[in-house]
Amino acid sequence: MVVMPEVPLAMGENPDAEVLAEGIRSGDRRAMGRAITLIESRRPDHQYQALELLDMLLPDTGNAVRIGVSGAPGVGKSTFIEAVGVGLTAAGHRVAVLAVDPSSSRSGGSILGDKTRMNDLSRDPAAFIRPSPSGGTLGGVARRTREAMLVCEAAGFDVIIVETVGVGQSETAVADMVDTSLLLIAPGGGDELQGIKRGIVETADIVFVNKTDGDLASQAKAVAAEYAAALRLLRPATKSWVPRIQTCSALENTGIGNVWRTIEAHRRALRTSGALGRRREAQARHWMWNEISESLIASLREEPATAALIPELERDVSAGRTTPGAAAKRLLGAFRAVGDGGR
């Protein structure tokens, strides 16, 4: 099996970053698994090592096609990704799938429900599948998915597919880290389709109506026409590309060949206009500010002076004795005071 589960790190273990980097560049899958585990670790020493490792790998990254796949549970994402992935490896590509699973509310680990369905792709020597728990992250994208993508790129995988938990915030989250966002929908969604239509036209580069087979074939074509009409009403995110909607059946492997051709067309359009470079630059800036935000929040909770103040502020906000804005300013003021006192 090529599916790479979490490779546990022994207590106190600190893998050598140079050794890991060398193994990753040579395509060693165990080194890749250990690196991603290191990146996902919350231990401070592991986090520093992960940053050192990523700095070493950075010159070997950035050359892969980054694809995000979103869709409601049951829409057939795993079957779709496997069908596309098998076709790509047969054509000579090396495909990495970062499948972000819902986290258990009790254990915090991956539920890993439907990743076992990618049986053919998991046995393919040109594929790498890594399930990761979302950790409750908003949008269904694991917090360290971006770093995991860099590891896969440094290992020589030229197509990276990120599968998200579902729809909603996941569309925005995955769009902030990939070149092409695919949204998978299925016929028979009824009112649910109406509820996500605005999100689709704002974030998806390509929409595929899956399960266009059997009794659902005619309904799928009607749904595709409905979304095509909706896409024409709004201004596209970039002038170089108008979002497209197509039909396919991952189960019957029909229309799957169009997936890669459309992705390539999207990539050519972005590259020719310069939008691909601008998109990646914007994503890097967004990534930086996201890290700053999360690091600051962690520091506020870890600093004794501010940590002691947080419960009081939460009670005051809950009771209506102060506004959230005023509470935030007070907390940040206490944090700045700690910094000023340390000079």
C-alpha atoms as a PDB file:
ATOM      1  CA  MET A   1       0.000   0.000   0.000  1.00  0.00           C
ATOM      2  CA  VAL A   2       1.262   3.498  -0.811  1.00  0.00           C
ATOM      3  CA  VAL A   3      -1.097   5.275   1.589  1.00  0.00           C
ATOM      4  CA  MET A   4       1.122   6.914   4.168  1.00  0.00           C
ATOM      5  CA  PRO A   5      -0.441   7.127   7.626  1.00  0.00           C
ATOM      6  CA  GLU A   6       1.036   9.198  10.372  1.00  0.00           C
ATOM      7  CA  VAL A   7       4.553   8.016  11.200  1.00  0.00           C
ATOM      8  CA  PRO A   8       4.768   8.478  14.971  1.00  0.00           C
ATOM      9  CA  LEU A   9       7.739  10.205  16.521  1.00  0.00           C
ATOM     10  CA  ALA A  10       9.116   8.595  19.645  1.00  0.00           C
ATOM     11  CA  MET A  11       9.050  10.582  22.872  1.00  0.00           C
ATOM     12  CA  GLY A  12      11.928  13.036  22.805  1.00  0.00           C
ATOM     13  CA  GLU A  13      12.825  12.129  19.221  1.00  0.00           C
ATOM     14  CA  ASN A  14      14.186  14.989  17.125  1.00  0.00           C
ATOM     15  CA  PRO A  15      14.737  13.848  13.539  1.00  0.00           C
ATOM     16  CA  ASP A  16      17.748  15.427  11.844  1.00  0.00           C
ATOM     17  CA  ALA A  17      16.462  17.994   9.340  1.00  0.00           C
ATOM     18  CA  GLU A  18      19.320  17.483   6.874  1.00  0.00           C
ATOM     19  CA  VAL A  19      18.818  13.713   6.850  1.00  0.00           C
ATOM     20  CA  LEU A  20      15.070  14.136   6.333  1.00  0.00           C
ATOM     21  CA  ALA A  21      15.613  16.668   3.540  1.00  0.00           C
ATOM     22  CA  GLU A  22      17.989  14.325   1.747  1.00  0.00           C
ATOM     23  CA  GLY A  23      15.528  11.444   2.061  1.00  0.00           C
ATOM     24  CA  ILE A  24      12.650  13.577   0.786  1.00  0.00           C
ATOM     25  CA  ARG A  25      14.593  14.764  -2.263  1.00  0.00           C
ATOM     26  CA  SER A  26      15.350  11.125  -3.095  1.00  0.00           C
ATOM     27  CA  GLY A  27      11.628  10.288  -2.893  1.00  0.00           C
ATOM     28  CA  ASP A  28      11.857   8.216   0.291  1.00  0.00           C
ATOM     29  CA  ARG A  29       8.232   7.821   1.385  1.00  0.00           C
ATOM     30  CA  ARG A  30       9.073   7.068   4.981  1.00  0.00           C
ATOM     31  CA  ALA A  31      11.070  10.309   5.133  1.00  0.00           C
ATOM     32  CA  MET A  32       8.073  12.130   3.664  1.00  0.00           C
ATOM     33  CA  GLY A  33       5.760  10.623   6.268  1.00  0.00           C
ATOM     34  CA  ARG A  34       8.113  11.488   9.127  1.00  0.00           C
ATOM     35  CA  ALA A  35       8.517  15.033   7.805  1.00  0.00           C
ATOM     36  CA  ILE A  36       4.759  15.622   7.623  1.00  0.00           C
ATOM     37  CA  THR A  37       4.335  14.198  11.116  1.00  0.00           C
ATOM     38  CA  LEU A  38       7.050  16.580  12.315  1.00  0.00           C
ATOM     39  CA  ILE A  39       5.288  19.490  10.617  1.00  0.00           C
ATOM     40  CA  GLU A  40       1.934  18.587  12.188  1.00  0.00           C
ATOM     41  CA  SER A  41       3.424  18.202  15.681  1.00  0.00           C
ATOM     42  CA  ARG A  42       2.523  20.872  18.233  1.00  0.00           C
ATOM     43  CA  ARG A  43       5.713  20.395  20.242  1.00  0.00           C
ATOM     44  CA  PRO A  44       7.811  23.609  20.146  1.00  0.00           C
ATOM     45  CA  ASP A  45      11.061  21.757  19.384  1.00  0.00           C
ATOM     46  CA  HIS A  46       9.390  19.902  16.516  1.00  0.00           C
ATOM     47  CA  GLN A  47       7.960  23.144  15.170  1.00  0.00           C
ATOM     48  CA  TYR A  48      11.397  24.769  15.066  1.00  0.00           C
ATOM     49  CA  GLN A  49      12.829  21.724  13.309  1.00  0.00           C
ATOM     50  CA  ALA A  50       9.963  21.742  10.824  1.00  0.00           C
ATOM     51  CA  LEU A  51      10.744  25.353   9.923  1.00  0.00           C
ATOM     52  CA  GLU A  52      14.413  24.461   9.449  1.00  0.00           C
ATOM     53  CA  LEU A  53      13.453  21.536   7.229  1.00  0.00           C
ATOM     54  CA  LEU A  54      11.077  23.609   5.100  1.00  0.00           C
ATOM     55  CA  ASP A  55      13.764  26.258   4.564  1.00  0.00           C
ATOM     56  CA  MET A  56      16.043  23.509   3.226  1.00  0.00           C
ATOM     57  CA  LEU A  57      13.350  22.169   0.912  1.00  0.00           C
ATOM     58  CA  LEU A  58      12.055  25.512  -0.362  1.00  0.00           C
ATOM     59  CA  PRO A  59      14.392  25.714  -3.417  1.00  0.00           C
ATOM     60  CA  ASP A  60      12.989  22.358  -4.598  1.00  0.00           C
ATOM     61  CA  THR A  61       9.333  23.420  -4.408  1.00  0.00           C
ATOM     62  CA  GLY A  62       6.872  25.394  -6.502  1.00  0.00           C
ATOM     63  CA  ASN A  63       6.920  23.358  -9.724  1.00  0.00           C
ATOM     64  CA  ALA A  64       3.864  21.182  -9.141  1.00  0.00           C
ATOM     65  CA  VAL A  65       0.302  21.722 -10.311  1.00  0.00           C
ATOM     66  CA  ARG A  66      -1.722  22.380  -7.159  1.00  0.00           C
ATOM     67  CA  ILE A  67      -5.363  21.320  -7.295  1.00  0.00           C
ATOM     68  CA  GLY A  68      -8.070  21.623  -4.654  1.00  0.00           C
ATOM     69  CA  VAL A  69     -11.150  19.399  -4.666  1.00  0.00           C
ATOM     70  CA  SER A  70     -14.174  20.381  -2.577  1.00  0.00           C
ATOM     71  CA  GLY A  71     -17.658  18.955  -2.389  1.00  0.00           C
ATOM     72  CA  ALA A  72     -20.335  17.883   0.026  1.00  0.00           C
ATOM     73  CA  PRO A  73     -19.987  14.495   1.751  1.00  0.00           C
ATOM     74  CA  GLY A  74     -21.297  11.740  -0.508  1.00  0.00           C
ATOM     75  CA  VAL A  75     -20.671  13.604  -3.737  1.00  0.00           C
ATOM     76  CA  GLY A  76     -17.987  11.095  -4.722  1.00  0.00           C
ATOM     77  CA  LYS A  77     -14.757  13.032  -4.088  1.00  0.00           C
ATOM     78  CA  SER A  78     -12.647   9.967  -3.315  1.00  0.00           C
ATOM     79  CA  THR A  79     -13.872   8.063  -6.375  1.00  0.00           C
ATOM     80  CA  PHE A  80     -13.348  11.164  -8.510  1.00  0.00           C
ATOM     81  CA  ILE A  81      -9.813  11.760  -7.224  1.00  0.00           C
ATOM     82  CA  GLU A  82      -8.874   8.127  -7.712  1.00  0.00           C
ATOM     83  CA  ALA A  83     -10.166   8.096 -11.294  1.00  0.00           C
ATOM     84  CA  VAL A  84      -8.285  11.286 -12.115  1.00  0.00           C
ATOM     85  CA  GLY A  85      -5.158  10.178 -10.258  1.00  0.00           C
ATOM     86  CA  VAL A  86      -4.937   6.776 -11.944  1.00  0.00           C
ATOM     87  CA  GLY A  87      -5.251   8.470 -15.329  1.00  0.00           C
ATOM     88  CA  LEU A  88      -2.489  10.931 -14.473  1.00  0.00           C
ATOM     89  CA  THR A  89      -0.027   8.313 -13.243  1.00  0.00           C
ATOM     90  CA  ALA A  90      -0.710   6.258 -16.378  1.00  0.00           C
ATOM     91  CA  ALA A  91       0.290   9.343 -18.379  1.00  0.00           C
ATOM     92  CA  GLY A  92       3.597   9.605 -16.502  1.00  0.00           C
ATOM     93  CA  HIS A  93       2.730  12.041 -13.725  1.00  0.00           C
ATOM     94  CA  ARG A  94       3.539  11.570 -10.061  1.00  0.00           C
ATOM     95  CA  VAL A  95       0.478  12.371  -7.960  1.00  0.00           C
ATOM     96  CA  ALA A  96       0.291  13.241  -4.260  1.00  0.00           C
ATOM     97  CA  VAL A  97      -3.111  13.342  -2.556  1.00  0.00           C
ATOM     98  CA  LEU A  98      -3.438  15.186   0.748  1.00  0.00           C
ATOM     99  CA  ALA A  99      -6.781  13.949   1.988  1.00  0.00           C
ATOM    100  CA  VAL A 100      -7.982  16.043   4.917  1.00  0.00           C
ATOM    101  CA  ASP A 101     -10.317  14.054   7.149  1.00  0.00           C
ATOM    102  CA  PRO A 102     -12.757  15.220   9.797  1.00  0.00           C
ATOM    103  CA  SER A 103     -11.245  15.030  13.266  1.00  0.00           C
ATOM    104  CA  SER A 104     -12.850  13.061  16.028  1.00  0.00           C
ATOM    105  CA  SER A 105     -14.320  15.465  18.568  1.00  0.00           C
ATOM    106  CA  ARG A 106     -13.098  13.140  21.324  1.00  0.00           C
ATOM    107  CA  SER A 107      -9.663  11.955  20.255  1.00  0.00           C
ATOM    108  CA  GLY A 108      -8.753  14.709  17.802  1.00  0.00           C
ATOM    109  CA  GLY A 109      -7.505  12.100  15.339  1.00  0.00           C
ATOM    110  CA  SER A 110      -8.614  11.350  11.804  1.00  0.00           C
ATOM    111  CA  ILE A 111     -11.811   9.415  11.353  1.00  0.00           C
ATOM    112  CA  LEU A 112     -10.375   8.284   7.973  1.00  0.00           C
ATOM    113  CA  GLY A 113     -13.711   7.015   6.782  1.00  0.00           C
ATOM    114  CA  ASP A 114     -13.625   6.968   3.002  1.00  0.00           C
ATOM    115  CA  LYS A 115      -9.917   7.176   2.215  1.00  0.00           C
ATOM    116  CA  THR A 116      -9.824   3.388   2.040  1.00  0.00           C
ATOM    117  CA  ARG A 117     -11.885   3.668  -1.157  1.00  0.00           C
ATOM    118  CA  MET A 118      -8.839   4.802  -3.176  1.00  0.00           C
ATOM    119  CA  ASN A 119      -7.640   1.201  -3.411  1.00  0.00           C
ATOM    120  CA  ASP A 120      -6.222   1.337  -6.937  1.00  0.00           C
ATOM    121  CA  LEU A 121      -4.462   4.648  -6.458  1.00  0.00           C
ATOM    122  CA  SER A 122      -3.080   3.591  -3.069  1.00  0.00           C
ATOM    123  CA  ARG A 123      -1.290   0.674  -4.750  1.00  0.00           C
ATOM    124  CA  ASP A 124       0.156   2.857  -7.519  1.00  0.00           C
ATOM    125  CA  PRO A 125       3.938   3.377  -7.061  1.00  0.00           C
ATOM    126  CA  ALA A 126       3.644   6.806  -8.703  1.00  0.00           C
ATOM    127  CA  ALA A 127       1.107   8.008  -6.132  1.00  0.00           C
ATOM    128  CA  PHE A 128       1.354   9.131  -2.517  1.00  0.00           C
ATOM    129  CA  ILE A 129      -1.727   9.465  -0.302  1.00  0.00           C
ATOM    130  CA  ARG A 130      -1.525  11.109   3.091  1.00  0.00           C
ATOM    131  CA  PRO A 131      -4.655  11.406   5.243  1.00  0.00           C
ATOM    132  CA  SER A 132      -4.415  14.134   7.876  1.00  0.00           C
ATOM    133  CA  PRO A 133      -6.866  15.155  10.604  1.00  0.00           C
ATOM    134  CA  SER A 134      -8.414  18.582  10.122  1.00  0.00           C
ATOM    135  CA  GLY A 135      -8.007  19.183  13.846  1.00  0.00           C
ATOM    136  CA  GLY A 136     -11.281  21.070  13.806  1.00  0.00           C
ATOM    137  CA  THR A 137      -9.751  23.697  11.516  1.00  0.00           C
ATOM    138  CA  LEU A 138     -12.389  25.928   9.932  1.00  0.00           C
ATOM    139  CA  GLY A 139     -12.887  25.007   6.310  1.00  0.00           C
ATOM    140  CA  GLY A 140     -11.840  21.394   6.596  1.00  0.00           C
ATOM    141  CA  VAL A 141      -8.245  22.001   5.583  1.00  0.00           C
ATOM    142  CA  ALA A 142      -5.555  20.829   7.962  1.00  0.00           C
ATOM    143  CA  ARG A 143      -3.530  23.707   9.414  1.00  0.00           C
ATOM    144  CA  ARG A 144      -0.292  22.318   7.980  1.00  0.00           C
ATOM    145  CA  THR A 145      -1.569  21.287   4.555  1.00  0.00           C
ATOM    146  CA  ARG A 146       0.503  24.008   2.875  1.00  0.00           C
ATOM    147  CA  GLU A 147       3.724  22.699   4.398  1.00  0.00           C
ATOM    148  CA  ALA A 148       2.804  19.124   3.475  1.00  0.00           C
ATOM    149  CA  MET A 149       2.386  20.288  -0.115  1.00  0.00           C
ATOM    150  CA  LEU A 150       5.956  21.614  -0.090  1.00  0.00           C
ATOM    151  CA  VAL A 151       7.268  18.252   1.146  1.00  0.00           C
ATOM    152  CA  CYS A 152       5.485  16.462  -1.708  1.00  0.00           C
ATOM    153  CA  GLU A 153       6.819  18.924  -4.272  1.00  0.00           C
ATOM    154  CA  ALA A 154      10.375  18.569  -2.993  1.00  0.00           C
ATOM    155  CA  ALA A 155       9.985  14.777  -3.328  1.00  0.00           C
ATOM    156  CA  GLY A 156       9.272  15.196  -7.043  1.00  0.00           C
ATOM    157  CA  PHE A 157       5.492  14.914  -7.203  1.00  0.00           C
ATOM    158  CA  ASP A 158       4.315  17.144 -10.042  1.00  0.00           C
ATOM    159  CA  VAL A 159       0.575  17.049  -9.262  1.00  0.00           C
ATOM    160  CA  ILE A 160      -0.692  17.794  -5.751  1.00  0.00           C
ATOM    161  CA  ILE A 161      -4.385  17.228  -5.002  1.00  0.00           C
ATOM    162  CA  VAL A 162      -5.865  18.573  -1.765  1.00  0.00           C
ATOM    163  CA  GLU A 163      -9.200  17.058  -0.816  1.00  0.00           C
ATOM    164  CA  THR A 164     -11.247  18.960   1.749  1.00  0.00           C
ATOM    165  CA  VAL A 165     -13.860  17.749   4.212  1.00  0.00           C
ATOM    166  CA  GLY A 166     -16.862  19.394   2.591  1.00  0.00           C
ATOM    167  CA  VAL A 167     -18.266  22.631   1.232  1.00  0.00           C
ATOM    168  CA  GLY A 168     -18.708  26.111   2.621  1.00  0.00           C
ATOM    169  CA  GLN A 169     -15.564  27.556   4.191  1.00  0.00           C
ATOM    170  CA  SER A 170     -13.502  24.746   2.651  1.00  0.00           C
ATOM    171  CA  GLU A 171     -13.866  26.323  -0.799  1.00  0.00           C
ATOM    172  CA  THR A 172     -12.268  29.547   0.391  1.00  0.00           C
ATOM    173  CA  ALA A 173      -9.633  27.763   2.472  1.00  0.00           C
ATOM    174  CA  VAL A 174      -8.434  25.499  -0.324  1.00  0.00           C
ATOM    175  CA  ALA A 175      -8.515  28.343  -2.869  1.00  0.00           C
ATOM    176  CA  ASP A 176      -5.915  30.129  -0.750  1.00  0.00           C
ATOM    177  CA  MET A 177      -3.355  27.388  -1.375  1.00  0.00           C
ATOM    178  CA  VAL A 178      -3.948  25.897  -4.844  1.00  0.00           C
ATOM    179  CA  ASP A 179      -3.718  26.955  -8.483  1.00  0.00           C
ATOM    180  CA  THR A 180      -7.019  25.433  -9.560  1.00  0.00           C
ATOM    181  CA  SER A 181     -10.109  24.914  -7.400  1.00  0.00           C
ATOM    182  CA  LEU A 182     -12.485  22.159  -8.458  1.00  0.00           C
ATOM    183  CA  LEU A 183     -15.936  21.884  -6.957  1.00  0.00           C
ATOM    184  CA  LEU A 184     -17.732  18.583  -7.229  1.00  0.00           C
ATOM    185  CA  ILE A 185     -21.517  18.518  -7.030  1.00  0.00           C
ATOM    186  CA  ALA A 186     -24.062  15.766  -7.574  1.00  0.00           C
ATOM    187  CA  PRO A 187     -27.555  15.803  -9.046  1.00  0.00           C
ATOM    188  CA  GLY A 188     -30.374  15.477  -6.562  1.00  0.00           C
ATOM    189  CA  GLY A 189     -29.122  18.092  -4.136  1.00  0.00           C
ATOM    190  CA  GLY A 190     -32.311  20.130  -4.395  1.00  0.00           C
ATOM    191  CA  ASP A 191     -32.366  23.133  -2.083  1.00  0.00           C
ATOM    192  CA  GLU A 192     -28.838  22.367  -0.860  1.00  0.00           C
ATOM    193  CA  LEU A 193     -27.533  23.403  -4.258  1.00  0.00           C
ATOM    194  CA  GLN A 194     -29.227  26.758  -3.982  1.00  0.00           C
ATOM    195  CA  GLY A 195     -27.529  27.374  -0.658  1.00  0.00           C
ATOM    196  CA  ILE A 196     -23.989  26.944  -1.961  1.00  0.00           C
ATOM    197  CA  LYS A 197     -24.386  28.534  -5.383  1.00  0.00           C
ATOM    198  CA  ARG A 198     -22.866  31.868  -4.403  1.00  0.00           C
ATOM    199  CA  GLY A 199     -19.843  30.163  -2.887  1.00  0.00           C
ATOM    200  CA  ILE A 200     -19.330  28.183  -6.067  1.00  0.00           C
ATOM    201  CA  VAL A 201     -19.217  31.148  -8.410  1.00  0.00           C
ATOM    202  CA  GLU A 202     -16.890  33.042  -6.084  1.00  0.00           C
ATOM    203  CA  THR A 203     -14.276  30.372  -5.483  1.00  0.00           C
ATOM    204  CA  ALA A 204     -14.442  27.534  -8.007  1.00  0.00           C
ATOM    205  CA  ASP A 205     -12.443  27.656 -11.220  1.00  0.00           C
ATOM    206  CA  ILE A 206     -14.099  24.512 -12.546  1.00  0.00           C
ATOM    207  CA  VAL A 207     -17.337  22.830 -11.446  1.00  0.00           C
ATOM    208  CA  PHE A 208     -17.961  19.161 -12.198  1.00  0.00           C
ATOM    209  CA  VAL A 209     -21.370  17.573 -11.882  1.00  0.00           C
ATOM    210  CA  ASN A 210     -20.471  14.031 -10.882  1.00  0.00           C
ATOM    211  CA  LYS A 211     -22.623  10.889 -11.027  1.00  0.00           C
ATOM    212  CA  THR A 212     -23.827  11.714 -14.528  1.00  0.00           C
ATOM    213  CA  ASP A 213     -24.881   8.128 -15.106  1.00  0.00           C
ATOM    214  CA  GLY A 214     -27.926   5.867 -14.983  1.00  0.00           C
ATOM    215  CA  ASP A 215     -31.176   7.443 -13.877  1.00  0.00           C
ATOM    216  CA  LEU A 216     -29.369  10.615 -12.798  1.00  0.00           C
ATOM    217  CA  ALA A 217     -27.881  11.423 -16.217  1.00  0.00           C
ATOM    218  CA  SER A 218     -30.663  13.737 -17.407  1.00  0.00           C
ATOM    219  CA  GLN A 219     -30.950  15.419 -14.011  1.00  0.00           C
ATOM    220  CA  ALA A 220     -27.175  15.999 -13.942  1.00  0.00           C
ATOM    221  CA  LYS A 221     -27.311  17.769 -17.300  1.00  0.00           C
ATOM    222  CA  ALA A 222     -30.127  19.992 -16.025  1.00  0.00           C
ATOM    223  CA  VAL A 223     -28.094  20.856 -12.917  1.00  0.00           C
ATOM    224  CA  ALA A 224     -25.081  21.658 -15.103  1.00  0.00           C
ATOM    225  CA  ALA A 225     -27.188  24.006 -17.210  1.00  0.00           C
ATOM    226  CA  GLU A 226     -28.495  25.713 -14.062  1.00  0.00           C
ATOM    227  CA  TYR A 227     -25.022  26.368 -12.749  1.00  0.00           C
ATOM    228  CA  ALA A 228     -23.725  27.453 -16.145  1.00  0.00           C
ATOM    229  CA  ALA A 229     -26.448  30.112 -16.183  1.00  0.00           C
ATOM    230  CA  ALA A 230     -25.496  31.205 -12.656  1.00  0.00           C
ATOM    231  CA  LEU A 231     -21.821  31.482 -13.591  1.00  0.00           C
ATOM    232  CA  ARG A 232     -22.654  33.832 -16.468  1.00  0.00           C
ATOM    233  CA  LEU A 233     -24.372  36.285 -14.134  1.00  0.00           C
ATOM    234  CA  LEU A 234     -21.351  37.165 -12.004  1.00  0.00           C
ATOM    235  CA  ARG A 235     -17.989  38.656 -12.812  1.00  0.00           C
ATOM    236  CA  PRO A 236     -15.201  36.012 -12.860  1.00  0.00           C
ATOM    237  CA  ALA A 237     -12.379  36.229 -10.320  1.00  0.00           C
ATOM    238  CA  THR A 238      -9.828  36.824 -13.067  1.00  0.00           C
ATOM    239  CA  LYS A 239     -10.222  38.296 -16.539  1.00  0.00           C
ATOM    240  CA  SER A 240      -8.171  35.485 -18.061  1.00  0.00           C
ATOM    241  CA  TRP A 241     -10.566  32.682 -17.087  1.00  0.00           C
ATOM    242  CA  VAL A 242     -14.320  32.211 -17.007  1.00  0.00           C
ATOM    243  CA  PRO A 243     -15.293  29.340 -14.637  1.00  0.00           C
ATOM    244  CA  ARG A 244     -16.455  26.268 -16.511  1.00  0.00           C
ATOM    245  CA  ILE A 245     -18.979  23.593 -15.608  1.00  0.00           C
ATOM    246  CA  GLN A 246     -18.786  20.052 -16.942  1.00  0.00           C
ATOM    247  CA  THR A 247     -20.366  16.670 -16.312  1.00  0.00           C
ATOM    248  CA  CYS A 248     -18.659  13.391 -15.496  1.00  0.00           C
ATOM    249  CA  SER A 249     -19.104   9.997 -13.902  1.00  0.00           C
ATOM    250  CA  ALA A 250     -16.147   8.939 -11.788  1.00  0.00           C
ATOM    251  CA  LEU A 251     -17.797   5.561 -11.218  1.00  0.00           C
ATOM    252  CA  GLU A 252     -18.097   4.828 -14.944  1.00  0.00           C
ATOM    253  CA  ASN A 253     -14.929   6.792 -15.802  1.00  0.00           C
ATOM    254  CA  THR A 254     -16.750   8.983 -18.327  1.00  0.00           C
ATOM    255  CA  GLY A 255     -15.742  12.608 -18.757  1.00  0.00           C
ATOM    256  CA  ILE A 256     -12.692  12.075 -16.526  1.00  0.00           C
ATOM    257  CA  GLY A 257     -10.314  12.742 -19.405  1.00  0.00           C
ATOM    258  CA  ASN A 258     -11.733  16.258 -19.621  1.00  0.00           C
ATOM    259  CA  VAL A 259     -10.676  16.996 -16.032  1.00  0.00           C
ATOM    260  CA  TRP A 260      -6.944  17.234 -16.701  1.00  0.00           C
ATOM    261  CA  ARG A 261      -7.447  18.936 -20.074  1.00  0.00           C
ATOM    262  CA  THR A 262      -9.558  21.632 -18.414  1.00  0.00           C
ATOM    263  CA  ILE A 263      -7.045  22.035 -15.572  1.00  0.00           C
ATOM    264  CA  GLU A 264      -4.266  22.460 -18.137  1.00  0.00           C
ATOM    265  CA  ALA A 265      -6.346  25.036 -20.016  1.00  0.00           C
ATOM    266  CA  HIS A 266      -6.942  26.941 -16.782  1.00  0.00           C
ATOM    267  CA  ARG A 267      -3.242  26.858 -15.917  1.00  0.00           C
ATOM    268  CA  ARG A 268      -2.230  28.068 -19.405  1.00  0.00           C
ATOM    269  CA  ALA A 269      -4.688  30.954 -19.178  1.00  0.00           C
ATOM    270  CA  LEU A 270      -3.381  32.017 -15.764  1.00  0.00           C
ATOM    271  CA  ARG A 271       0.267  31.675 -16.769  1.00  0.00           C
ATOM    272  CA  THR A 272      -0.157  33.589 -20.036  1.00  0.00           C
ATOM    273  CA  SER A 273      -1.847  36.498 -18.261  1.00  0.00           C
ATOM    274  CA  GLY A 274       0.562  36.441 -15.313  1.00  0.00           C
ATOM    275  CA  ALA A 275      -2.322  35.621 -12.958  1.00  0.00           C
ATOM    276  CA  LEU A 276      -0.724  32.361 -11.798  1.00  0.00           C
ATOM    277  CA  GLY A 277       2.307  34.160 -10.387  1.00  0.00           C
ATOM    278  CA  ARG A 278       0.130  36.827  -8.779  1.00  0.00           C
ATOM    279  CA  ARG A 279      -2.123  34.164  -7.265  1.00  0.00           C
ATOM    280  CA  ARG A 280       0.799  32.332  -5.684  1.00  0.00           C
ATOM    281  CA  GLU A 281       2.292  35.577  -4.387  1.00  0.00           C
ATOM    282  CA  ALA A 282      -1.030  36.507  -2.783  1.00  0.00           C
ATOM    283  CA  GLN A 283      -1.309  33.034  -1.293  1.00  0.00           C
ATOM    284  CA  ALA A 284       2.172  33.333   0.232  1.00  0.00           C
ATOM    285  CA  ARG A 285       1.249  36.653   1.837  1.00  0.00           C
ATOM    286  CA  HIS A 286      -2.018  35.209   3.132  1.00  0.00           C
ATOM    287  CA  TRP A 287      -0.110  32.243   4.534  1.00  0.00           C
ATOM    288  CA  MET A 288       2.311  34.558   6.335  1.00  0.00           C
ATOM    289  CA  TRP A 289      -0.450  36.609   7.965  1.00  0.00           C
ATOM    290  CA  ASN A 290      -2.350  33.464   8.907  1.00  0.00           C
ATOM    291  CA  GLU A 291       0.761  32.182  10.693  1.00  0.00           C
ATOM    292  CA  ILE A 292       1.210  35.544  12.422  1.00  0.00           C
ATOM    293  CA  SER A 293      -2.409  35.519  13.593  1.00  0.00           C
ATOM    294  CA  GLU A 294      -2.255  31.989  14.944  1.00  0.00           C
ATOM    295  CA  SER A 295       1.120  32.582  16.609  1.00  0.00           C
ATOM    296  CA  LEU A 296      -0.131  35.744  18.308  1.00  0.00           C
ATOM    297  CA  ILE A 297      -3.229  33.994  19.643  1.00  0.00           C
ATOM    298  CA  ALA A 298      -1.056  31.157  20.956  1.00  0.00           C
ATOM    299  CA  SER A 299       1.237  33.689  22.645  1.00  0.00           C
ATOM    300  CA  LEU A 300      -1.719  35.439  24.281  1.00  0.00           C
ATOM    301  CA  ARG A 301      -2.881  32.134  25.739  1.00  0.00           C
ATOM    302  CA  GLU A 302       0.604  31.084  26.860  1.00  0.00           C
ATOM    303  CA  GLU A 303       1.786  34.357  28.453  1.00  0.00           C
ATOM    304  CA  PRO A 304       0.836  34.134  32.172  1.00  0.00           C
ATOM    305  CA  ALA A 305      -0.275  37.772  32.458  1.00  0.00           C
ATOM    306  CA  THR A 306      -2.683  37.585  29.517  1.00  0.00           C
ATOM    307  CA  ALA A 307      -3.731  33.973  30.141  1.00  0.00           C
ATOM    308  CA  ALA A 308      -4.937  34.984  33.607  1.00  0.00           C
ATOM    309  CA  LEU A 309      -6.921  37.886  32.125  1.00  0.00           C
ATOM    310  CA  ILE A 310      -8.713  35.903  29.415  1.00  0.00           C
ATOM    311  CA  PRO A 311     -11.329  34.172  31.661  1.00  0.00           C
ATOM    312  CA  GLU A 312     -12.293  37.525  33.212  1.00  0.00           C
ATOM    313  CA  LEU A 313     -12.680  39.171  29.814  1.00  0.00           C
ATOM    314  CA  GLU A 314     -14.731  36.261  28.504  1.00  0.00           C
ATOM    315  CA  ARG A 315     -17.091  36.521  31.490  1.00  0.00           C
ATOM    316  CA  ASP A 316     -17.461  40.290  31.009  1.00  0.00           C
ATOM    317  CA  VAL A 317     -18.196  39.890  27.303  1.00  0.00           C
ATOM    318  CA  SER A 318     -20.689  37.080  27.943  1.00  0.00           C
ATOM    319  CA  ALA A 319     -22.485  39.134  30.605  1.00  0.00           C
ATOM    320  CA  GLY A 320     -22.612  42.228  28.417  1.00  0.00           C
ATOM    321  CA  ARG A 321     -20.456  44.279  30.784  1.00  0.00           C
ATOM    322  CA  THR A 322     -18.041  45.162  27.989  1.00  0.00           C
ATOM    323  CA  THR A 323     -17.843  44.875  24.228  1.00  0.00           C
ATOM    324  CA  PRO A 324     -15.640  42.325  22.432  1.00  0.00           C
ATOM    325  CA  GLY A 325     -13.675  45.208  20.910  1.00  0.00           C
ATOM    326  CA  ALA A 326     -12.932  46.761  24.277  1.00  0.00           C
ATOM    327  CA  ALA A 327     -11.972  43.377  25.719  1.00  0.00           C
ATOM    328  CA  ALA A 328      -9.608  42.738  22.818  1.00  0.00           C
ATOM    329  CA  LYS A 329      -7.915  46.099  23.295  1.00  0.00           C
ATOM    330  CA  ARG A 330      -7.490  45.453  26.993  1.00  0.00           C
ATOM    331  CA  LEU A 331      -5.955  42.043  26.354  1.00  0.00           C
ATOM    332  CA  LEU A 332      -3.570  43.381  23.706  1.00  0.00           C
ATOM    333  CA  GLY A 333      -2.659  46.261  26.012  1.00  0.00           C
ATOM    334  CA  ALA A 334      -1.713  43.795  28.739  1.00  0.00           C
ATOM    335  CA  PHE A 335       0.353  41.842  26.212  1.00  0.00           C
ATOM    336  CA  ARG A 336       2.205  44.978  25.077  1.00  0.00           C
ATOM    337  CA  ALA A 337       2.871  45.895  28.687  1.00  0.00           C
ATOM    338  CA  VAL A 338       4.597  42.550  29.179  1.00  0.00           C
ATOM    339  CA  GLY A 339       6.771  43.239  26.159  1.00  0.00           C
ATOM    340  CA  ASP A 340       7.635  46.754  27.307  1.00  0.00           C
ATOM    341  CA  GLY A 341       8.575  45.467  30.753  1.00  0.00           C
ATOM    342  CA  GLY A 342      10.979  42.986  29.251  1.00  0.00           C
ATOM    343  CA  ARG A 343      13.107  45.640  27.581  1.00  0.00           C
END
